[in-house]
């Protein structure tokens, strides 16, 4: 069995992404969904460990865990400018929700 040409696979992927994207609430809101084929607890643990953020977000270059609720992130901005900020977890429901 031959696979579809890459342009067909790209079109199919783009179509699937459009179907999975949520309609915008307003002109300034962008929402999308992603399907991850992995157990929820594993995904939550990975995301909850903020030291993994550089693997997920290209502009985050470092994360220092201060304590269970706080961490300090370093972001590489335009023109080589680095910015730092502290993230504080304000609400957490394991395997369900994390707010910061």
PDB file of N, CA and C in Angstrom:
ATOM      1  N   UNK A   1       0.837  -1.176   0.000  1.00  0.00           N
ATOM      2  CA  UNK A   1       0.000   0.000   0.000  1.00  0.00           C
ATOM      3  C   UNK A   1       0.882   1.240   0.000  1.00  0.00           C
ATOM      4  N   UNK A   2       0.619   2.137  -0.909  1.00  0.00           N
ATOM      5  CA  UNK A   2       1.395   3.371  -1.008  1.00  0.00           C
ATOM      6  C   UNK A   2       0.749   4.450  -0.160  1.00  0.00           C
ATOM      7  N   UNK A   3       1.584   5.284   0.402  1.00  0.00           N
ATOM      8  CA  UNK A   3       1.034   6.396   1.183  1.00  0.00           C
ATOM      9  C   UNK A   3       0.696   7.546   0.239  1.00  0.00           C
ATOM     10  N   UNK A   4      -0.166   8.407   0.701  1.00  0.00           N
ATOM     11  CA  UNK A   4      -0.577   9.562  -0.095  1.00  0.00           C
ATOM     12  C   UNK A   4       0.594  10.515  -0.240  1.00  0.00           C
ATOM     13  N   UNK A   5       0.655  11.254  -1.341  1.00  0.00           N
ATOM     14  CA  UNK A   5       1.708  12.259  -1.486  1.00  0.00           C
ATOM     15  C   UNK A   5       1.671  13.227  -0.317  1.00  0.00           C
ATOM     16  N   UNK A   6       2.824  13.792   0.025  1.00  0.00           N
ATOM     17  CA  UNK A   6       2.892  14.654   1.212  1.00  0.00           C
ATOM     18  C   UNK A   6       1.905  15.804   1.138  1.00  0.00           C
ATOM     19  N   UNK A   7       1.632  16.341  -0.061  1.00  0.00           N
ATOM     20  CA  UNK A   7       0.682  17.455  -0.153  1.00  0.00           C
ATOM     21  C   UNK A   7      -0.707  17.010   0.274  1.00  0.00           C
ATOM     22  N   UNK A   8      -1.068  15.749  -0.020  1.00  0.00           N
ATOM     23  CA  UNK A   8      -2.376  15.233   0.419  1.00  0.00           C
ATOM     24  C   UNK A   8      -2.399  15.079   1.930  1.00  0.00           C
ATOM     25  N   UNK A   9      -1.302  14.568   2.478  1.00  0.00           N
ATOM     26  CA  UNK A   9      -1.248  14.411   3.937  1.00  0.00           C
ATOM     27  C   UNK A   9      -1.321  15.772   4.608  1.00  0.00           C
ATOM     28  N   UNK A  10      -0.641  16.784   4.047  1.00  0.00           N
ATOM     29  CA  UNK A  10      -0.681  18.126   4.614  1.00  0.00           C
ATOM     30  C   UNK A  10      -2.087  18.697   4.549  1.00  0.00           C
ATOM     31  N   UNK A  11      -2.786  18.491   3.419  1.00  0.00           N
ATOM     32  CA  UNK A  11      -4.157  18.989   3.289  1.00  0.00           C
ATOM     33  C   UNK A  11      -5.069  18.293   4.280  1.00  0.00           C
ATOM     34  N   UNK A  12      -4.895  16.978   4.461  1.00  0.00           N
ATOM     35  CA  UNK A  12      -5.725  16.236   5.409  1.00  0.00           C
ATOM     36  C   UNK A  12      -5.475  16.727   6.832  1.00  0.00           C
ATOM     37  N   UNK A  13      -4.203  16.958   7.174  1.00  0.00           N
ATOM     38  CA  UNK A  13      -3.859  17.437   8.511  1.00  0.00           C
ATOM     39  C   UNK A  13      -4.456  18.820   8.741  1.00  0.00           C
ATOM     40  N   UNK A  14      -4.355  19.691   7.728  1.00  0.00           N
ATOM     41  CA  UNK A  14      -4.904  21.042   7.846  1.00  0.00           C
ATOM     42  C   UNK A  14      -6.417  20.993   8.020  1.00  0.00           C
ATOM     43  N   UNK A  15      -7.081  20.119   7.265  1.00  0.00           N
ATOM     44  CA  UNK A  15      -8.524  19.969   7.370  1.00  0.00           C
ATOM     45  C   UNK A  15      -8.916  19.471   8.758  1.00  0.00           C
ATOM     46  N   UNK A  16      -8.169  18.496   9.270  1.00  0.00           N
ATOM     47  CA  UNK A  16      -8.445  17.966  10.600  1.00  0.00           C
ATOM     48  C   UNK A  16      -8.261  19.038  11.662  1.00  0.00           C
ATOM     49  N   UNK A  17      -7.201  19.838  11.539  1.00  0.00           N
ATOM     50  CA  UNK A  17      -6.964  20.908  12.504  1.00  0.00           C
ATOM     51  C   UNK A  17      -8.091  21.929  12.471  1.00  0.00           C
ATOM     52  N   UNK A  18      -8.612  22.228  11.279  1.00  0.00           N
ATOM     53  CA  UNK A  18      -9.710  23.184  11.177  1.00  0.00           C
ATOM     54  C   UNK A  18     -10.959  22.621  11.834  1.00  0.00           C
ATOM     55  N   UNK A  19     -11.203  21.321  11.664  1.00  0.00           N
ATOM     56  CA  UNK A  19     -12.385  20.708  12.279  1.00  0.00           C
ATOM     57  C   UNK A  19     -12.272  20.701  13.792  1.00  0.00           C
ATOM     58  N   UNK A  20     -11.038  20.551  14.314  1.00  0.00           N
ATOM     59  CA  UNK A  20     -10.844  20.466  15.752  1.00  0.00           C
ATOM     60  C   UNK A  20     -10.778  21.835  16.406  1.00  0.00           C
ATOM     61  N   UNK A  21     -10.496  22.872  15.645  1.00  0.00           N
ATOM     62  CA  UNK A  21     -10.424  24.215  16.206  1.00  0.00           C
ATOM     63  C   UNK A  21     -11.814  24.686  16.605  1.00  0.00           C
ATOM     64  N   UNK A  22     -11.861  25.388  17.694  1.00  0.00           N
ATOM     65  CA  UNK A  22     -13.127  25.910  18.180  1.00  0.00           C
ATOM     66  C   UNK A  22     -13.409  27.251  17.528  1.00  0.00           C
ATOM     67  N   UNK A  23     -14.682  27.564  17.271  1.00  0.00           N
ATOM     68  CA  UNK A  23     -14.978  28.880  16.704  1.00  0.00           C
ATOM     69  C   UNK A  23     -14.589  29.975  17.700  1.00  0.00           C
ATOM     70  N   UNK A  24     -14.068  31.086  17.213  1.00  0.00           N
ATOM     71  CA  UNK A  24     -13.627  32.146  18.128  1.00  0.00           C
ATOM     72  C   UNK A  24     -14.802  32.772  18.874  1.00  0.00           C
ATOM     73  N   UNK A  25     -14.564  33.091  20.148  1.00  0.00           N
ATOM     74  CA  UNK A  25     -15.591  33.778  20.940  1.00  0.00           C
ATOM     75  C   UNK A  25     -15.748  35.219  20.465  1.00  0.00           C
ATOM     76  N   UNK A  26     -14.605  35.813  20.093  1.00  0.00           N
ATOM     77  CA  UNK A  26     -14.597  37.177  19.595  1.00  0.00           C
ATOM     78  C   UNK A  26     -13.344  37.355  18.746  1.00  0.00           C
ATOM     79  N   UNK A  27     -13.148  38.539  18.212  1.00  0.00           N
ATOM     80  CA  UNK A  27     -12.036  38.786  17.289  1.00  0.00           C
ATOM     81  C   UNK A  27     -10.666  38.668  17.946  1.00  0.00           C
ATOM     82  N   UNK A  28     -10.588  38.773  19.273  1.00  0.00           N
ATOM     83  CA  UNK A  28      -9.284  38.743  19.935  1.00  0.00           C
ATOM     84  C   UNK A  28      -8.994  37.411  20.631  1.00  0.00           C
ATOM     85  N   UNK A  29      -9.820  36.390  20.417  1.00  0.00           N
ATOM     86  CA  UNK A  29      -9.647  35.096  21.074  1.00  0.00           C
ATOM     87  C   UNK A  29      -9.316  34.023  20.051  1.00  0.00           C
ATOM     88  N   UNK A  30      -8.312  33.223  20.359  1.00  0.00           N
ATOM     89  CA  UNK A  30      -7.948  32.082  19.531  1.00  0.00           C
ATOM     90  C   UNK A  30      -7.999  30.845  20.414  1.00  0.00           C
ATOM     91  N   UNK A  31      -8.740  29.840  19.997  1.00  0.00           N
ATOM     92  CA  UNK A  31      -8.812  28.598  20.742  1.00  0.00           C
ATOM     93  C   UNK A  31      -8.642  27.436  19.774  1.00  0.00           C
ATOM     94  N   UNK A  32      -8.009  26.378  20.245  1.00  0.00           N
ATOM     95  CA  UNK A  32      -7.836  25.178  19.429  1.00  0.00           C
ATOM     96  C   UNK A  32      -7.728  23.987  20.361  1.00  0.00           C
ATOM     97  N   UNK A  33      -7.983  22.828  19.840  1.00  0.00           N
ATOM     98  CA  UNK A  33      -7.862  21.604  20.611  1.00  0.00           C
ATOM     99  C   UNK A  33      -6.767  20.727  20.031  1.00  0.00           C
ATOM    100  N   UNK A  34      -6.185  19.914  20.879  1.00  0.00           N
ATOM    101  CA  UNK A  34      -5.150  18.985  20.465  1.00  0.00           C
ATOM    102  C   UNK A  34      -5.483  17.636  21.068  1.00  0.00           C
ATOM    103  N   UNK A  35      -5.369  16.592  20.282  1.00  0.00           N
ATOM    104  CA  UNK A  35      -5.570  15.243  20.799  1.00  0.00           C
ATOM    105  C   UNK A  35      -4.202  14.642  21.066  1.00  0.00           C
ATOM    106  N   UNK A  36      -3.989  14.188  22.300  1.00  0.00           N
ATOM    107  CA  UNK A  36      -2.735  13.567  22.695  1.00  0.00           C
ATOM    108  C   UNK A  36      -3.059  12.132  23.074  1.00  0.00           C
ATOM    109  N   UNK A  37      -2.451  11.207  22.396  1.00  0.00           N
ATOM    110  CA  UNK A  37      -2.707   9.792  22.658  1.00  0.00           C
ATOM    111  C   UNK A  37      -1.793   9.312  23.779  1.00  0.00           C
ATOM    112  N   UNK A  38      -2.182   9.662  25.001  1.00  0.00           N
ATOM    113  CA  UNK A  38      -1.409   9.313  26.184  1.00  0.00           C
ATOM    114  C   UNK A  38      -2.348   9.433  27.383  1.00  0.00           C
ATOM    115  N   UNK A  39      -2.055   8.721  28.442  1.00  0.00           N
ATOM    116  CA  UNK A  39      -2.887   8.771  29.644  1.00  0.00           C
ATOM    117  C   UNK A  39      -2.900  10.188  30.220  1.00  0.00           C
ATOM    118  N   UNK A  40      -4.065  10.617  30.686  1.00  0.00           N
ATOM    119  CA  UNK A  40      -4.232  11.971  31.223  1.00  0.00           C
ATOM    120  C   UNK A  40      -3.255  12.246  32.359  1.00  0.00           C
ATOM    121  N   UNK A  41      -3.055  11.286  33.254  1.00  0.00           N
ATOM    122  CA  UNK A  41      -2.160  11.532  34.383  1.00  0.00           C
ATOM    123  C   UNK A  41      -0.723  11.776  33.925  1.00  0.00           C
ATOM    124  N   UNK A  42      -0.278  11.087  32.881  1.00  0.00           N
ATOM    125  CA  UNK A  42       1.080  11.303  32.363  1.00  0.00           C
ATOM    126  C   UNK A  42       1.205  12.684  31.723  1.00  0.00           C
ATOM    127  N   UNK A  43       0.199  13.083  30.957  1.00  0.00           N
ATOM    128  CA  UNK A  43       0.221  14.400  30.312  1.00  0.00           C
ATOM    129  C   UNK A  43       0.198  15.493  31.375  1.00  0.00           C
ATOM    130  N   UNK A  44      -0.651  15.336  32.388  1.00  0.00           N
ATOM    131  CA  UNK A  44      -0.748  16.343  33.451  1.00  0.00           C
ATOM    132  C   UNK A  44       0.583  16.466  34.190  1.00  0.00           C
ATOM    133  N   UNK A  45       1.188  15.338  34.552  1.00  0.00           N
ATOM    134  CA  UNK A  45       2.480  15.381  35.265  1.00  0.00           C
ATOM    135  C   UNK A  45       3.546  16.074  34.420  1.00  0.00           C
ATOM    136  N   UNK A  46       3.567  15.776  33.111  1.00  0.00           N
ATOM    137  CA  UNK A  46       4.546  16.401  32.222  1.00  0.00           C
ATOM    138  C   UNK A  46       4.336  17.912  32.182  1.00  0.00           C
ATOM    139  N   UNK A  47       3.090  18.339  31.992  1.00  0.00           N
ATOM    140  CA  UNK A  47       2.808  19.769  31.894  1.00  0.00           C
ATOM    141  C   UNK A  47       2.998  20.464  33.241  1.00  0.00           C
ATOM    142  N   UNK A  48       2.668  19.777  34.334  1.00  0.00           N
ATOM    143  CA  UNK A  48       2.776  20.368  35.676  1.00  0.00           C
ATOM    144  C   UNK A  48       4.225  20.637  36.060  1.00  0.00           C
ATOM    145  N   UNK A  49       5.142  19.881  35.487  1.00  0.00           N
ATOM    146  CA  UNK A  49       6.563  20.117  35.721  1.00  0.00           C
ATOM    147  C   UNK A  49       7.001  21.238  34.778  1.00  0.00           C
ATOM    148  N   UNK A  50       7.005  22.466  35.267  1.00  0.00           N
ATOM    149  CA  UNK A  50       7.264  23.621  34.420  1.00  0.00           C
ATOM    150  C   UNK A  50       8.654  23.592  33.787  1.00  0.00           C
ATOM    151  N   UNK A  51       9.536  22.758  34.297  1.00  0.00           N
ATOM    152  CA  UNK A  51      10.844  22.642  33.661  1.00  0.00           C
ATOM    153  C   UNK A  51      10.728  22.007  32.275  1.00  0.00           C
ATOM    154  N   UNK A  52       9.568  21.452  31.940  1.00  0.00           N
ATOM    155  CA  UNK A  52       9.320  20.926  30.596  1.00  0.00           C
ATOM    156  C   UNK A  52       8.868  22.017  29.621  1.00  0.00           C
ATOM    157  N   UNK A  53       8.546  23.206  30.109  1.00  0.00           N
ATOM    158  CA  UNK A  53       8.032  24.261  29.223  1.00  0.00           C
ATOM    159  C   UNK A  53       8.957  24.593  28.054  1.00  0.00           C
ATOM    160  N   UNK A  54      10.285  24.607  28.225  1.00  0.00           N
ATOM    161  CA  UNK A  54      11.124  24.878  27.054  1.00  0.00           C
ATOM    162  C   UNK A  54      10.925  23.849  25.932  1.00  0.00           C
ATOM    163  N   UNK A  55      10.499  22.647  26.270  1.00  0.00           N
ATOM    164  CA  UNK A  55      10.234  21.624  25.247  1.00  0.00           C
ATOM    165  C   UNK A  55       8.924  21.899  24.519  1.00  0.00           C
ATOM    166  N   UNK A  56       8.019  22.632  25.165  1.00  0.00           N
ATOM    167  CA  UNK A  56       6.711  22.927  24.585  1.00  0.00           C
ATOM    168  C   UNK A  56       6.652  24.301  23.930  1.00  0.00           C
ATOM    169  N   UNK A  57       7.325  25.259  24.507  1.00  0.00           N
ATOM    170  CA  UNK A  57       7.259  26.647  24.047  1.00  0.00           C
ATOM    171  C   UNK A  57       8.647  27.102  23.624  1.00  0.00           C
ATOM    172  N   UNK A  58       8.802  27.395  22.370  1.00  0.00           N
ATOM    173  CA  UNK A  58      10.107  27.719  21.824  1.00  0.00           C
ATOM    174  C   UNK A  58      10.779  28.940  22.406  1.00  0.00           C
ATOM    175  N   UNK A  59      10.008  29.900  22.917  1.00  0.00           N
ATOM    176  CA  UNK A  59      10.622  31.113  23.445  1.00  0.00           C
ATOM    177  C   UNK A  59      11.058  30.980  24.897  1.00  0.00           C
ATOM    178  N   UNK A  60      10.570  29.967  25.614  1.00  0.00           N
ATOM    179  CA  UNK A  60      10.986  29.737  27.001  1.00  0.00           C
ATOM    180  C   UNK A  60      12.315  28.993  26.956  1.00  0.00           C
ATOM    181  N   UNK A  61      13.351  29.587  27.531  1.00  0.00           N
ATOM    182  CA  UNK A  61      14.664  28.950  27.455  1.00  0.00           C
ATOM    183  C   UNK A  61      15.106  28.316  28.771  1.00  0.00           C
ATOM    184  N   UNK A  62      14.485  28.718  29.894  1.00  0.00           N
ATOM    185  CA  UNK A  62      14.860  28.138  31.181  1.00  0.00           C
ATOM    186  C   UNK A  62      13.730  28.326  32.183  1.00  0.00           C
ATOM    187  N   UNK A  63      13.621  27.362  33.098  1.00  0.00           N
ATOM    188  CA  UNK A  63      12.648  27.456  34.192  1.00  0.00           C
ATOM    189  C   UNK A  63      13.333  26.961  35.459  1.00  0.00           C
ATOM    190  N   UNK A  64      13.240  27.769  36.495  1.00  0.00           N
ATOM    191  CA  UNK A  64      13.804  27.414  37.803  1.00  0.00           C
ATOM    192  C   UNK A  64      12.646  27.208  38.769  1.00  0.00           C
ATOM    193  N   UNK A  65      12.533  26.028  39.348  1.00  0.00           N
ATOM    194  CA  UNK A  65      11.470  25.743  40.313  1.00  0.00           C
ATOM    195  C   UNK A  65      11.867  26.339  41.649  1.00  0.00           C
ATOM    196  N   UNK A  66      11.044  27.227  42.189  1.00  0.00           N
ATOM    197  CA  UNK A  66      11.323  27.872  43.468  1.00  0.00           C
ATOM    198  C   UNK A  66      10.732  27.049  44.607  1.00  0.00           C
ATOM    199  N   UNK A  67       9.473  26.702  44.479  1.00  0.00           N
ATOM    200  CA  UNK A  67       8.789  25.810  45.417  1.00  0.00           C
ATOM    201  C   UNK A  67       7.635  25.169  44.669  1.00  0.00           C
ATOM    202  N   UNK A  68       6.739  24.471  45.356  1.00  0.00           N
ATOM    203  CA  UNK A  68       5.652  23.746  44.675  1.00  0.00           C
ATOM    204  C   UNK A  68       4.747  24.682  43.873  1.00  0.00           C
ATOM    205  N   UNK A  69       4.539  25.914  44.341  1.00  0.00           N
ATOM    206  CA  UNK A  69       3.615  26.830  43.667  1.00  0.00           C
ATOM    207  C   UNK A  69       4.306  27.824  42.741  1.00  0.00           C
ATOM    208  N   UNK A  70       5.583  28.104  42.965  1.00  0.00           N
ATOM    209  CA  UNK A  70       6.264  29.172  42.224  1.00  0.00           C
ATOM    210  C   UNK A  70       7.440  28.650  41.403  1.00  0.00           C
ATOM    211  N   UNK A  71       7.592  29.243  40.221  1.00  0.00           N
ATOM    212  CA  UNK A  71       8.777  28.986  39.394  1.00  0.00           C
ATOM    213  C   UNK A  71       9.123  30.256  38.644  1.00  0.00           C
ATOM    214  N   UNK A  72      10.375  30.362  38.241  1.00  0.00           N
ATOM    215  CA  UNK A  72      10.861  31.553  37.540  1.00  0.00           C
ATOM    216  C   UNK A  72      11.243  31.144  36.127  1.00  0.00           C
ATOM    217  N   UNK A  73      10.647  31.814  35.138  1.00  0.00           N
ATOM    218  CA  UNK A  73      10.883  31.499  33.727  1.00  0.00           C
ATOM    219  C   UNK A  73      11.733  32.569  33.066  1.00  0.00           C
ATOM    220  N   UNK A  74      12.539  32.138  32.101  1.00  0.00           N
ATOM    221  CA  UNK A  74      13.317  33.047  31.270  1.00  0.00           C
ATOM    222  C   UNK A  74      12.887  32.830  29.827  1.00  0.00           C
ATOM    223  N   UNK A  75      12.549  33.928  29.155  1.00  0.00           N
ATOM    224  CA  UNK A  75      12.076  33.877  27.774  1.00  0.00           C
ATOM    225  C   UNK A  75      13.052  34.654  26.899  1.00  0.00           C
ATOM    226  N   UNK A  76      13.345  34.098  25.729  1.00  0.00           N
ATOM    227  CA  UNK A  76      14.186  34.780  24.742  1.00  0.00           C
ATOM    228  C   UNK A  76      13.268  35.543  23.801  1.00  0.00           C
ATOM    229  N   UNK A  77      13.340  36.862  23.837  1.00  0.00           N
ATOM    230  CA  UNK A  77      12.487  37.700  23.015  1.00  0.00           C
ATOM    231  C   UNK A  77      13.190  38.184  21.761  1.00  0.00           C
ATOM    232  N   UNK A  78      12.541  39.077  21.033  1.00  0.00           N
ATOM    233  CA  UNK A  78      13.144  39.640  19.823  1.00  0.00           C
ATOM    234  C   UNK A  78      14.438  40.382  20.138  1.00  0.00           C
ATOM    235  N   UNK A  79      15.335  40.394  19.183  1.00  0.00           N
ATOM    236  CA  UNK A  79      16.612  41.101  19.292  1.00  0.00           C
ATOM    237  C   UNK A  79      17.468  40.584  20.442  1.00  0.00           C
ATOM    238  N   UNK A  80      17.239  39.333  20.840  1.00  0.00           N
ATOM    239  CA  UNK A  80      18.050  38.734  21.894  1.00  0.00           C
ATOM    240  C   UNK A  80      17.712  39.195  23.297  1.00  0.00           C
ATOM    241  N   UNK A  81      16.630  39.915  23.447  1.00  0.00           N
ATOM    242  CA  UNK A  81      16.227  40.416  24.765  1.00  0.00           C
ATOM    243  C   UNK A  81      15.647  39.274  25.582  1.00  0.00           C
ATOM    244  N   UNK A  82      16.110  39.144  26.808  1.00  0.00           N
ATOM    245  CA  UNK A  82      15.590  38.116  27.708  1.00  0.00           C
ATOM    246  C   UNK A  82      14.702  38.759  28.762  1.00  0.00           C
ATOM    247  N   UNK A  83      13.596  38.097  29.035  1.00  0.00           N
ATOM    248  CA  UNK A  83      12.669  38.559  30.070  1.00  0.00           C
ATOM    249  C   UNK A  83      12.493  37.439  31.096  1.00  0.00           C
ATOM    250  N   UNK A  84      12.296  37.828  32.340  1.00  0.00           N
ATOM    251  CA  UNK A  84      12.109  36.871  33.434  1.00  0.00           C
ATOM    252  C   UNK A  84      10.795  37.188  34.138  1.00  0.00           C
ATOM    253  N   UNK A  85      10.110  36.163  34.575  1.00  0.00           N
ATOM    254  CA  UNK A  85       8.934  36.370  35.386  1.00  0.00           C
ATOM    255  C   UNK A  85       8.687  35.162  36.252  1.00  0.00           C
ATOM    256  N   UNK A  86       7.897  35.362  37.290  1.00  0.00           N
ATOM    257  CA  UNK A  86       7.558  34.292  38.212  1.00  0.00           C
ATOM    258  C   UNK A  86       6.152  33.803  37.912  1.00  0.00           C
ATOM    259  N   UNK A  87       6.020  32.495  37.838  1.00  0.00           N
ATOM    260  CA  UNK A  87       4.719  31.853  37.647  1.00  0.00           C
ATOM    261  C   UNK A  87       4.289  31.306  39.000  1.00  0.00           C
ATOM    262  N   UNK A  88       3.053  31.579  39.402  1.00  0.00           N
ATOM    263  CA  UNK A  88       2.504  31.028  40.640  1.00  0.00           C
ATOM    264  C   UNK A  88       1.252  30.223  40.301  1.00  0.00           C
ATOM    265  N   UNK A  89       1.234  28.973  40.696  1.00  0.00           N
ATOM    266  CA  UNK A  89       0.054  28.131  40.514  1.00  0.00           C
ATOM    267  C   UNK A  89      -0.994  28.612  41.511  1.00  0.00           C
ATOM    268  N   UNK A  90      -2.158  28.996  41.003  1.00  0.00           N
ATOM    269  CA  UNK A  90      -3.225  29.528  41.862  1.00  0.00           C
ATOM    270  C   UNK A  90      -4.332  28.515  42.117  1.00  0.00           C
ATOM    271  N   UNK A  91      -4.432  27.529  41.241  1.00  0.00           N
ATOM    272  CA  UNK A  91      -5.443  26.476  41.431  1.00  0.00           C
ATOM    273  C   UNK A  91      -4.977  25.235  40.698  1.00  0.00           C
ATOM    274  N   UNK A  92      -5.190  24.094  41.337  1.00  0.00           N
ATOM    275  CA  UNK A  92      -4.785  22.839  40.716  1.00  0.00           C
ATOM    276  C   UNK A  92      -5.746  21.730  41.110  1.00  0.00           C
ATOM    277  N   UNK A  93      -6.225  21.021  40.114  1.00  0.00           N
ATOM    278  CA  UNK A  93      -7.017  19.807  40.318  1.00  0.00           C
ATOM    279  C   UNK A  93      -6.317  18.728  39.498  1.00  0.00           C
ATOM    280  N   UNK A  94      -5.589  17.833  40.155  1.00  0.00           N
ATOM    281  CA  UNK A  94      -4.785  16.847  39.435  1.00  0.00           C
ATOM    282  C   UNK A  94      -5.557  16.155  38.312  1.00  0.00           C
ATOM    283  N   UNK A  95      -4.882  16.029  37.185  1.00  0.00           N
ATOM    284  CA  UNK A  95      -5.400  15.389  35.970  1.00  0.00           C
ATOM    285  C   UNK A  95      -6.581  16.119  35.356  1.00  0.00           C
ATOM    286  N   UNK A  96      -6.832  17.353  35.782  1.00  0.00           N
ATOM    287  CA  UNK A  96      -7.989  18.085  35.276  1.00  0.00           C
ATOM    288  C   UNK A  96      -7.699  19.542  34.935  1.00  0.00           C
ATOM    289  N   UNK A  97      -7.067  20.284  35.866  1.00  0.00           N
ATOM    290  CA  UNK A  97      -6.940  21.725  35.695  1.00  0.00           C
ATOM    291  C   UNK A  97      -5.693  22.238  36.405  1.00  0.00           C
ATOM    292  N   UNK A  98      -5.047  23.197  35.775  1.00  0.00           N
ATOM    293  CA  UNK A  98      -3.980  23.940  36.429  1.00  0.00           C
ATOM    294  C   UNK A  98      -4.099  25.391  35.979  1.00  0.00           C
ATOM    295  N   UNK A  99      -4.168  26.283  36.961  1.00  0.00           N
ATOM    296  CA  UNK A  99      -4.226  27.725  36.671  1.00  0.00           C
ATOM    297  C   UNK A  99      -3.011  28.383  37.274  1.00  0.00           C
ATOM    298  N   UNK A 100      -2.469  29.323  36.524  1.00  0.00           N
ATOM    299  CA  UNK A 100      -1.320  30.073  37.048  1.00  0.00           C
ATOM    300  C   UNK A 100      -1.329  31.458  36.496  1.00  0.00           C
TER     301      UNK A 100
END
